[in-house]
Amino acid sequence: MITGTGAGSVEAYAARRGLRSRLGGLRRLDWPLFLAVLALSVIGALLVRSATFPLLTEQGKDPEGFVKRHVLNLFIGFALGGLVTVLDYRLLRAYVPILYGVACVGLVAVLTPLGETINGSHSWIVLGGGFQVQPSEFAKVGLVVLLAMILGEPRDGEIGPGRRDVLLALVLAGVPAALIMLQPDLGTTLVFIAVVLGMLAISGAQKRWLFGLVGGGAAAAAAVWFFGLLQDYQIDRFTAFLDPEADPRGAGYNAQQARIAVGSGGLLGKGLFQGEQTGGHFVPEQQTDFIFTVVGEELGFVGGAIIIALLGVVLWRGLRIATQAADLFGTLVATGVVCWMGFQTFQNVGMSIGIMPITGLPLPFVSYGGSATFANMIAFGLLQAVHVRRRPFD
């Protein structure tokens, strides 16, 4: 009921309603998810500083250079995540073809002279000024929303996606996956496989598709190995995974040094910024692929457990959001993000402790990066968008 007279009272009432609406929107956010991502981001920035400060100091560069860029990327990433959160995710259906097309164009551009080879993978487009774009990171977002659109709308009379829908999804997912393999980027290809299998399983597709894909994937992997289609450095990584001590100064060096760094931290670690392995630059790419070795050495088992627990919260909230989504499209979007983050977390931590081969995947929300940070925050925004609109008419 509006009391008082005049335009001033009406404007004040409208302002109060607008404020209550905005506060209501904030209350509907998944706060455990938000706080977990925020905590991982803050800890990650500290770890990036620890991993890069000594080397930059020795090189006479700005010792805070990496962490400054990383914090800037985090601010941009949270802004992107916030923008995605306020958008109605259900409207994404209309823009999925555009997102998919842009992702494919970016992956094709990498294979042209615009692309740049970094650490053996031709996955980057250098923009200048120290900025680079990795289109395969944004392709993960495109894959999730594409599969959700195709598999999330069963035809009349069908409980789950039919044969045509599954085939269409596999063909369209195969295009960016093939472009990524040409870079070659085996790690991101494996993320694609995990996302496709997970979303197919949740969509209600017949189990024969899952068994067929697993069998076909195993056969394809065997053929790739048998016909020598892998690059030499990729073969070396698998060989080093099976026996790191066979070539401790060559292919097995990264795996050996990673395990030494993680193991040297003991229960409580040597203290933040006090790691000898980290300060001596024994582990390469420590601010990105091997960020967990900084955790193990400087924060110890307890610190590693906290990082894994926070990532577990992200996955748990993602699964909860998937089960409470207003529609199958939302369920599949959340499922795709969980499969992506879950596999990448397991792979990154696993390669740091020696239970998985080295594939060059960063740790979500923790590792240094631009494209990866932006893609992760967009995925975080998608989860929040599905959660905020978990009731059909929100």
Foldseek 3Di string as FASTA:
>chain_A
DQDDDDPVSVVVVVVVVVVVVVVVLVVLFPVLLVVLLVVQLVQLLLLLLLLQQLVCVVVVHDSCVQSVVQVVLLVVQLVLLVVLQPDQVVVCLVVLVVLLVVLLVLLVCLVDPQFDDDPRFRQWGDPDPPDIAGSLLSNLLSLLLVLLNLFFDDDPPDQTHDPVSLVVSCVSLVSSLVSCCVSPFVVSNVLSVLLSLQLCVLRPHDCVVNVVVVVVVVVVVVVCVVVVVDDPLVVLLVVCLVPLVVCCPPSSVQLVLLQVLLVQQAAAAPARSRFPSSSVCSHPLCLWLVVVSSQRHHGNPVSSVSSVVSLVSNLVLLCVLLVLFQGSSLNSLSSSLSSSLVVLQCQSVCSSNSNHGDRRRGHQSNGRDNNNSNSSSNSSSSSRNRSSCSHPVD
